[in-house]
N, C-alpha and C. Protein backbone atom coordinates (compact mmCIF):
# COMPACT_ATOMS: atom_id res chain seq x y z
N MET A 1 0.85 -1.18 0.00
CA MET A 1 0.00 0.00 0.00
C MET A 1 0.89 1.24 0.00
N ASN A 2 0.53 2.22 -0.77
CA ASN A 2 1.23 3.50 -0.81
C ASN A 2 0.95 4.23 0.50
N GLN A 3 1.97 4.49 1.29
CA GLN A 3 1.79 5.11 2.60
C GLN A 3 1.41 6.58 2.51
N THR A 4 1.79 7.27 1.43
CA THR A 4 1.45 8.68 1.28
C THR A 4 0.01 8.85 0.85
N HIS A 5 -0.42 8.04 -0.11
CA HIS A 5 -1.79 8.08 -0.64
C HIS A 5 -2.36 6.66 -0.59
N PRO A 6 -2.70 6.18 0.59
CA PRO A 6 -3.12 4.79 0.72
C PRO A 6 -4.53 4.53 0.22
N THR A 7 -4.86 3.27 0.14
CA THR A 7 -6.22 2.81 -0.10
C THR A 7 -6.74 2.30 1.23
N LEU A 8 -7.85 2.87 1.67
CA LEU A 8 -8.45 2.48 2.95
C LEU A 8 -9.68 1.63 2.67
N ARG A 9 -9.91 0.63 3.51
CA ARG A 9 -11.03 -0.28 3.33
C ARG A 9 -11.84 -0.37 4.61
N GLY A 10 -13.13 -0.56 4.43
CA GLY A 10 -14.00 -0.73 5.58
C GLY A 10 -15.27 -1.45 5.16
N ALA A 11 -16.09 -1.81 6.15
CA ALA A 11 -17.33 -2.51 5.88
C ALA A 11 -18.35 -2.16 6.95
N CYS A 12 -19.63 -2.34 6.59
CA CYS A 12 -20.68 -2.13 7.57
C CYS A 12 -20.62 -3.24 8.63
N HIS A 13 -21.51 -3.19 9.59
CA HIS A 13 -21.49 -4.13 10.70
C HIS A 13 -21.62 -5.58 10.25
N CYS A 14 -22.49 -5.85 9.28
CA CYS A 14 -22.72 -7.24 8.83
C CYS A 14 -21.82 -7.65 7.67
N GLY A 15 -21.12 -6.70 7.08
CA GLY A 15 -20.21 -7.01 5.98
C GLY A 15 -20.84 -6.98 4.60
N ALA A 16 -22.13 -6.68 4.50
CA ALA A 16 -22.79 -6.65 3.20
C ALA A 16 -22.31 -5.49 2.33
N VAL A 17 -21.88 -4.40 2.96
CA VAL A 17 -21.39 -3.23 2.24
C VAL A 17 -19.90 -3.09 2.48
N GLN A 18 -19.14 -3.03 1.40
CA GLN A 18 -17.69 -2.86 1.45
C GLN A 18 -17.33 -1.53 0.82
N ALA A 19 -16.39 -0.83 1.41
CA ALA A 19 -15.94 0.46 0.88
C ALA A 19 -14.44 0.41 0.65
N GLU A 20 -14.02 0.98 -0.47
CA GLU A 20 -12.60 1.12 -0.78
C GLU A 20 -12.39 2.57 -1.18
N LEU A 21 -11.62 3.29 -0.38
CA LEU A 21 -11.34 4.71 -0.61
C LEU A 21 -9.88 4.85 -1.01
N ARG A 22 -9.65 5.17 -2.28
CA ARG A 22 -8.30 5.40 -2.79
C ARG A 22 -8.02 6.89 -2.67
N LEU A 23 -7.13 7.23 -1.76
CA LEU A 23 -6.88 8.64 -1.46
C LEU A 23 -6.02 9.29 -2.53
N GLY A 24 -6.32 10.55 -2.78
CA GLY A 24 -5.53 11.35 -3.70
C GLY A 24 -4.60 12.30 -2.98
N ARG A 25 -4.56 12.17 -1.66
CA ARG A 25 -3.69 13.00 -0.82
C ARG A 25 -3.39 12.23 0.45
N PRO A 26 -2.43 12.71 1.24
CA PRO A 26 -2.07 11.99 2.47
C PRO A 26 -3.23 11.91 3.46
N VAL A 27 -3.28 10.82 4.19
CA VAL A 27 -4.32 10.63 5.21
C VAL A 27 -4.33 11.81 6.18
N ALA A 28 -3.17 12.30 6.55
CA ALA A 28 -3.06 13.39 7.52
C ALA A 28 -3.76 14.66 7.04
N ASP A 29 -3.95 14.81 5.73
CA ASP A 29 -4.58 16.01 5.18
C ASP A 29 -6.11 15.94 5.17
N LEU A 30 -6.68 14.79 5.50
CA LEU A 30 -8.13 14.65 5.48
C LEU A 30 -8.76 15.17 6.76
N THR A 31 -9.91 15.80 6.61
CA THR A 31 -10.67 16.27 7.76
C THR A 31 -11.85 15.34 7.96
N VAL A 32 -11.98 14.82 9.16
CA VAL A 32 -13.13 14.00 9.52
C VAL A 32 -14.14 14.95 10.17
N ARG A 33 -15.37 14.94 9.62
CA ARG A 33 -16.38 15.91 10.02
C ARG A 33 -17.56 15.23 10.74
N ALA A 34 -18.10 15.95 11.69
CA ALA A 34 -19.32 15.52 12.37
C ALA A 34 -20.41 16.53 12.04
N CYS A 35 -21.17 16.24 11.00
CA CYS A 35 -22.29 17.10 10.63
C CYS A 35 -23.21 17.20 11.84
N GLN A 36 -23.76 18.39 12.06
CA GLN A 36 -24.58 18.63 13.24
C GLN A 36 -26.07 18.46 12.99
N CYS A 37 -26.47 17.95 11.82
CA CYS A 37 -27.89 17.72 11.58
C CYS A 37 -28.36 16.56 12.47
N GLY A 38 -29.66 16.48 12.68
CA GLY A 38 -30.22 15.45 13.54
C GLY A 38 -29.91 14.04 13.07
N PHE A 39 -29.96 13.80 11.77
CA PHE A 39 -29.68 12.46 11.25
C PHE A 39 -28.26 12.04 11.58
N CYS A 40 -27.30 12.86 11.23
CA CYS A 40 -25.88 12.50 11.45
C CYS A 40 -25.56 12.35 12.93
N ARG A 41 -26.10 13.25 13.76
CA ARG A 41 -25.84 13.14 15.20
C ARG A 41 -26.41 11.84 15.76
N ARG A 42 -27.61 11.46 15.32
CA ARG A 42 -28.23 10.23 15.82
C ARG A 42 -27.46 8.99 15.39
N HIS A 43 -26.74 9.09 14.28
CA HIS A 43 -25.98 7.94 13.79
C HIS A 43 -24.51 7.98 14.20
N GLY A 44 -24.11 9.01 14.95
CA GLY A 44 -22.71 9.10 15.36
C GLY A 44 -21.77 9.21 14.17
N ALA A 45 -22.21 9.89 13.13
CA ALA A 45 -21.47 9.95 11.87
C ALA A 45 -20.15 10.69 12.01
N ALA A 46 -19.15 10.18 11.32
CA ALA A 46 -17.84 10.81 11.17
C ALA A 46 -17.51 10.69 9.69
N ASN A 47 -17.81 11.75 8.96
CA ASN A 47 -17.72 11.70 7.51
C ASN A 47 -16.43 12.27 6.97
N VAL A 48 -16.01 11.72 5.84
CA VAL A 48 -14.80 12.17 5.17
C VAL A 48 -15.05 12.14 3.67
N SER A 49 -14.37 13.01 2.96
CA SER A 49 -14.39 12.99 1.50
C SER A 49 -13.03 13.47 1.01
N ASP A 50 -12.72 13.08 -0.22
CA ASP A 50 -11.45 13.46 -0.85
C ASP A 50 -11.71 13.64 -2.34
N ALA A 51 -11.84 14.88 -2.76
CA ALA A 51 -12.16 15.17 -4.16
C ALA A 51 -11.06 14.67 -5.10
N ALA A 52 -9.85 14.51 -4.60
CA ALA A 52 -8.75 14.02 -5.43
C ALA A 52 -8.65 12.50 -5.41
N GLY A 53 -9.52 11.86 -4.64
CA GLY A 53 -9.49 10.40 -4.51
C GLY A 53 -10.58 9.74 -5.34
N ALA A 54 -10.85 8.49 -5.03
CA ALA A 54 -11.90 7.72 -5.69
C ALA A 54 -12.45 6.71 -4.69
N LEU A 55 -13.76 6.56 -4.69
CA LEU A 55 -14.44 5.67 -3.76
C LEU A 55 -15.19 4.60 -4.55
N THR A 56 -15.08 3.36 -4.11
CA THR A 56 -15.91 2.28 -4.63
C THR A 56 -16.72 1.71 -3.47
N LEU A 57 -18.03 1.70 -3.64
CA LEU A 57 -18.93 1.08 -2.67
C LEU A 57 -19.53 -0.15 -3.33
N ARG A 58 -19.38 -1.30 -2.68
CA ARG A 58 -19.96 -2.55 -3.17
C ARG A 58 -20.92 -3.08 -2.12
N SER A 59 -22.11 -3.45 -2.58
CA SER A 59 -23.09 -4.00 -1.65
C SER A 59 -23.68 -5.28 -2.23
N ARG A 60 -23.79 -6.29 -1.38
CA ARG A 60 -24.41 -7.55 -1.80
C ARG A 60 -25.91 -7.39 -2.01
N LEU A 61 -26.47 -6.32 -1.44
CA LEU A 61 -27.90 -6.02 -1.54
C LEU A 61 -28.07 -4.60 -2.06
N ARG A 62 -29.25 -4.32 -2.58
CA ARG A 62 -29.52 -2.94 -2.98
C ARG A 62 -29.59 -2.09 -1.72
N LEU A 63 -28.81 -1.03 -1.68
CA LEU A 63 -28.77 -0.16 -0.51
C LEU A 63 -30.12 0.53 -0.30
N THR A 64 -30.44 0.78 0.95
CA THR A 64 -31.62 1.56 1.27
C THR A 64 -31.25 3.03 1.09
N ARG A 65 -32.13 3.77 0.46
CA ARG A 65 -31.92 5.20 0.23
C ARG A 65 -32.93 5.98 1.05
N TYR A 66 -32.46 7.09 1.58
CA TYR A 66 -33.31 7.95 2.39
C TYR A 66 -33.00 9.40 2.03
N ARG A 67 -34.02 10.19 1.83
CA ARG A 67 -33.85 11.62 1.57
C ARG A 67 -34.63 12.40 2.61
N PHE A 68 -34.04 13.47 3.09
CA PHE A 68 -34.74 14.33 4.04
C PHE A 68 -34.36 15.77 3.76
N ALA A 69 -34.94 16.69 4.48
CA ALA A 69 -34.70 18.13 4.32
C ALA A 69 -34.90 18.52 2.85
N SER A 70 -33.85 19.00 2.18
CA SER A 70 -33.99 19.47 0.79
C SER A 70 -34.13 18.32 -0.19
N GLY A 71 -33.78 17.10 0.21
CA GLY A 71 -33.87 15.94 -0.67
C GLY A 71 -32.76 15.86 -1.70
N ALA A 72 -31.76 16.72 -1.58
CA ALA A 72 -30.68 16.76 -2.57
C ALA A 72 -29.72 15.58 -2.46
N THR A 73 -29.61 15.03 -1.26
CA THR A 73 -28.66 13.94 -1.02
C THR A 73 -29.39 12.63 -0.80
N GLU A 74 -28.88 11.56 -1.42
CA GLU A 74 -29.35 10.22 -1.11
C GLU A 74 -28.50 9.70 0.03
N VAL A 75 -29.11 9.49 1.18
CA VAL A 75 -28.41 8.88 2.30
C VAL A 75 -28.45 7.37 2.04
N LEU A 76 -27.29 6.73 2.13
CA LEU A 76 -27.17 5.31 1.83
C LEU A 76 -27.03 4.51 3.13
N LEU A 77 -27.88 3.49 3.27
CA LEU A 77 -27.90 2.66 4.47
C LEU A 77 -27.83 1.20 4.07
N CYS A 78 -27.12 0.41 4.87
CA CYS A 78 -27.11 -1.04 4.63
C CYS A 78 -28.52 -1.57 4.94
N PRO A 79 -29.14 -2.30 4.01
CA PRO A 79 -30.49 -2.80 4.26
C PRO A 79 -30.53 -3.97 5.25
N ALA A 80 -29.40 -4.57 5.52
CA ALA A 80 -29.36 -5.71 6.45
C ALA A 80 -29.12 -5.25 7.89
N CYS A 81 -28.07 -4.47 8.13
CA CYS A 81 -27.72 -4.09 9.50
C CYS A 81 -28.07 -2.64 9.85
N GLY A 82 -28.44 -1.84 8.85
CA GLY A 82 -28.88 -0.48 9.11
C GLY A 82 -27.79 0.56 9.23
N VAL A 83 -26.53 0.20 9.03
CA VAL A 83 -25.44 1.17 9.17
C VAL A 83 -25.57 2.28 8.14
N TYR A 84 -25.36 3.51 8.61
CA TYR A 84 -25.30 4.68 7.73
C TYR A 84 -23.95 4.63 7.03
N VAL A 85 -23.97 4.42 5.72
CA VAL A 85 -22.76 4.27 4.91
C VAL A 85 -22.22 5.62 4.47
N GLY A 86 -23.09 6.49 3.98
CA GLY A 86 -22.66 7.80 3.50
C GLY A 86 -23.78 8.49 2.76
N GLY A 87 -23.42 9.62 2.15
CA GLY A 87 -24.37 10.38 1.35
C GLY A 87 -23.86 10.49 -0.07
N MET A 88 -24.79 10.54 -1.04
CA MET A 88 -24.39 10.58 -2.44
C MET A 88 -25.27 11.57 -3.19
N ILE A 89 -24.64 12.27 -4.14
CA ILE A 89 -25.38 13.16 -5.04
C ILE A 89 -24.98 12.83 -6.48
N GLU A 90 -25.86 13.16 -7.39
CA GLU A 90 -25.54 13.14 -8.81
C GLU A 90 -25.80 14.55 -9.32
N ALA A 91 -24.75 15.19 -9.81
CA ALA A 91 -24.85 16.57 -10.28
C ALA A 91 -23.79 16.83 -11.33
N GLU A 92 -24.15 17.61 -12.32
CA GLU A 92 -23.24 17.99 -13.39
C GLU A 92 -22.57 16.77 -14.03
N GLY A 93 -23.34 15.69 -14.17
CA GLY A 93 -22.83 14.48 -14.80
C GLY A 93 -21.86 13.67 -13.96
N ARG A 94 -21.80 13.98 -12.68
CA ARG A 94 -20.89 13.28 -11.78
C ARG A 94 -21.67 12.68 -10.61
N ARG A 95 -21.15 11.57 -10.10
CA ARG A 95 -21.70 10.96 -8.89
C ARG A 95 -20.64 11.12 -7.82
N LEU A 96 -21.01 11.78 -6.72
CA LEU A 96 -20.07 12.11 -5.65
C LEU A 96 -20.64 11.65 -4.31
N ALA A 97 -19.72 11.37 -3.37
CA ALA A 97 -20.17 10.88 -2.07
C ALA A 97 -19.30 11.39 -0.94
N THR A 98 -19.89 11.38 0.23
CA THR A 98 -19.17 11.52 1.49
C THR A 98 -19.36 10.20 2.21
N LEU A 99 -18.37 9.78 2.95
CA LEU A 99 -18.33 8.44 3.52
C LEU A 99 -18.32 8.51 5.04
N ASN A 100 -19.17 7.71 5.68
CA ASN A 100 -19.20 7.63 7.14
C ASN A 100 -18.17 6.60 7.60
N VAL A 101 -16.99 7.08 7.94
CA VAL A 101 -15.89 6.17 8.32
C VAL A 101 -16.14 5.51 9.67
N ALA A 102 -16.97 6.10 10.51
CA ALA A 102 -17.31 5.46 11.78
C ALA A 102 -18.20 4.25 11.53
N GLY A 103 -19.21 4.39 10.70
CA GLY A 103 -20.13 3.30 10.41
C GLY A 103 -19.46 2.15 9.67
N LEU A 104 -18.41 2.47 8.91
CA LEU A 104 -17.72 1.44 8.13
C LEU A 104 -16.43 0.97 8.80
N ALA A 105 -16.17 1.42 10.02
CA ALA A 105 -14.98 1.03 10.78
C ALA A 105 -13.73 1.13 9.90
N MET A 106 -13.56 2.28 9.27
CA MET A 106 -12.48 2.49 8.32
C MET A 106 -11.27 3.09 9.02
N ALA A 107 -10.36 2.20 9.44
CA ALA A 107 -9.13 2.64 10.10
C ALA A 107 -8.22 3.28 9.04
N PRO A 108 -7.45 4.25 9.40
CA PRO A 108 -7.28 4.88 10.71
C PRO A 108 -8.22 6.06 10.94
N LEU A 109 -9.10 6.34 9.99
CA LEU A 109 -9.94 7.53 10.10
C LEU A 109 -11.02 7.43 11.16
N ASN A 110 -11.55 6.23 11.40
CA ASN A 110 -12.64 6.10 12.37
C ASN A 110 -12.18 6.35 13.80
N ALA A 111 -10.89 6.36 14.05
CA ALA A 111 -10.37 6.61 15.40
C ALA A 111 -10.19 8.11 15.69
N ARG A 112 -10.29 8.94 14.66
CA ARG A 112 -10.11 10.38 14.86
C ARG A 112 -11.36 11.01 15.47
N THR A 113 -11.14 12.05 16.24
CA THR A 113 -12.25 12.84 16.76
C THR A 113 -12.72 13.77 15.64
N PRO A 114 -13.98 13.63 15.21
CA PRO A 114 -14.44 14.48 14.11
C PRO A 114 -14.64 15.92 14.54
N GLU A 115 -14.41 16.82 13.59
CA GLU A 115 -14.63 18.25 13.81
C GLU A 115 -16.09 18.57 13.52
N PRO A 116 -16.78 19.25 14.44
CA PRO A 116 -18.17 19.62 14.19
C PRO A 116 -18.28 20.47 12.92
N ALA A 117 -19.30 20.17 12.12
CA ALA A 117 -19.54 20.92 10.89
C ALA A 117 -21.01 21.29 10.83
N GLU A 118 -21.27 22.57 10.70
CA GLU A 118 -22.64 23.09 10.66
C GLU A 118 -22.93 23.62 9.27
N TYR A 119 -23.93 23.03 8.61
CA TYR A 119 -24.26 23.42 7.24
C TYR A 119 -25.65 24.04 7.13
N GLY A 120 -26.33 24.24 8.23
CA GLY A 120 -27.71 24.71 8.23
C GLY A 120 -27.94 26.05 7.58
N ASP A 121 -26.95 26.92 7.56
CA ASP A 121 -27.12 28.26 6.99
C ASP A 121 -26.76 28.34 5.52
N GLU A 122 -26.32 27.24 4.91
CA GLU A 122 -25.95 27.27 3.50
C GLU A 122 -27.18 27.42 2.61
N THR A 123 -27.01 28.17 1.55
CA THR A 123 -28.05 28.20 0.53
C THR A 123 -27.93 26.91 -0.28
N PRO A 124 -28.98 26.52 -1.00
CA PRO A 124 -28.86 25.32 -1.84
C PRO A 124 -27.71 25.41 -2.84
N ALA A 125 -27.49 26.58 -3.41
CA ALA A 125 -26.39 26.75 -4.37
C ALA A 125 -25.04 26.60 -3.70
N ALA A 126 -24.87 27.15 -2.51
CA ALA A 126 -23.61 27.03 -1.78
C ALA A 126 -23.36 25.59 -1.35
N ARG A 127 -24.42 24.90 -0.95
CA ARG A 127 -24.30 23.49 -0.54
C ARG A 127 -23.84 22.63 -1.72
N LEU A 128 -24.46 22.84 -2.88
CA LEU A 128 -24.07 22.08 -4.06
C LEU A 128 -22.63 22.40 -4.46
N ALA A 129 -22.26 23.66 -4.43
CA ALA A 129 -20.89 24.05 -4.80
C ALA A 129 -19.87 23.40 -3.87
N ARG A 130 -20.16 23.36 -2.57
CA ARG A 130 -19.25 22.73 -1.61
C ARG A 130 -19.10 21.24 -1.91
N ARG A 131 -20.21 20.59 -2.17
CA ARG A 131 -20.16 19.16 -2.45
C ARG A 131 -19.42 18.87 -3.76
N LEU A 132 -19.66 19.66 -4.79
CA LEU A 132 -18.96 19.48 -6.06
C LEU A 132 -17.45 19.68 -5.89
N ARG A 133 -17.08 20.55 -4.99
CA ARG A 133 -15.67 20.87 -4.76
C ARG A 133 -14.97 19.85 -3.85
N LEU A 134 -15.70 19.27 -2.89
CA LEU A 134 -15.05 18.49 -1.83
C LEU A 134 -15.37 17.00 -1.82
N TRP A 135 -16.51 16.59 -2.32
CA TRP A 135 -16.91 15.19 -2.19
C TRP A 135 -16.14 14.31 -3.16
N THR A 136 -16.11 13.02 -2.86
CA THR A 136 -15.31 12.04 -3.59
C THR A 136 -16.09 11.43 -4.76
N PRO A 137 -15.46 11.33 -5.93
CA PRO A 137 -16.10 10.59 -7.02
C PRO A 137 -16.33 9.15 -6.55
N VAL A 138 -17.53 8.62 -6.86
CA VAL A 138 -17.90 7.30 -6.35
C VAL A 138 -18.42 6.40 -7.46
N GLU A 139 -18.04 5.13 -7.35
CA GLU A 139 -18.63 4.07 -8.16
C GLU A 139 -19.44 3.22 -7.21
N LEU A 140 -20.71 3.04 -7.50
CA LEU A 140 -21.60 2.25 -6.65
C LEU A 140 -21.96 0.96 -7.38
N VAL A 141 -21.67 -0.16 -6.74
CA VAL A 141 -21.95 -1.48 -7.31
C VAL A 141 -22.88 -2.21 -6.35
N GLU A 142 -24.11 -2.44 -6.80
CA GLU A 142 -25.09 -3.15 -5.98
C GLU A 142 -25.43 -4.46 -6.69
N ASP A 143 -25.22 -5.56 -5.98
CA ASP A 143 -25.41 -6.87 -6.60
C ASP A 143 -26.81 -7.43 -6.45
N GLY A 144 -27.56 -6.97 -5.47
CA GLY A 144 -28.84 -7.62 -5.23
C GLY A 144 -30.01 -6.68 -5.30
N GLY A 145 -31.20 -7.29 -5.29
CA GLY A 145 -32.45 -6.61 -5.12
C GLY A 145 -32.90 -5.76 -6.18
C-alpha cells in the first residue's frame, strides 16, 4: 500500500457493504467531520471525503436510500444491519459521495475525533458548490435486489 496516498477499506457491521477509498492526498490532510444535523448526530457519523481520490462502494444487496430536508442527497444505508454508509449526489454528470468512516470502521480515520460541521445556513447553491468541490467521485456497485 502506498503510505502517502493509501487505499483504505471498511465494511458495515454485517459485511454486506464494502468500501474502498483510494486517497488522492495523504491521510493526515483529510478532515473528519461531524455534521450537526439530527440524522448524522443520531448515527454518530464521522464523515470524510477526498475530491482528489476515488471511492468504490460494493453492496451484496440494494442499498436503502433515504432523503430528508432538501432531498438533494441520497443517504445510503445497509439494508441488512442499518449502518449509515454515507451520502451521495448526482450533479453535473458526476456521482459524488461523502463516507461515514465510523459506520464502516475504516481505520485509521474512524479513530479520529471528528470536527463539528454546521451546514444549516448554506443556501442550496452554496451546498451544491461545496459538495462538487469536496466530495469524492464514487462508483456504486449493488449486486442484489
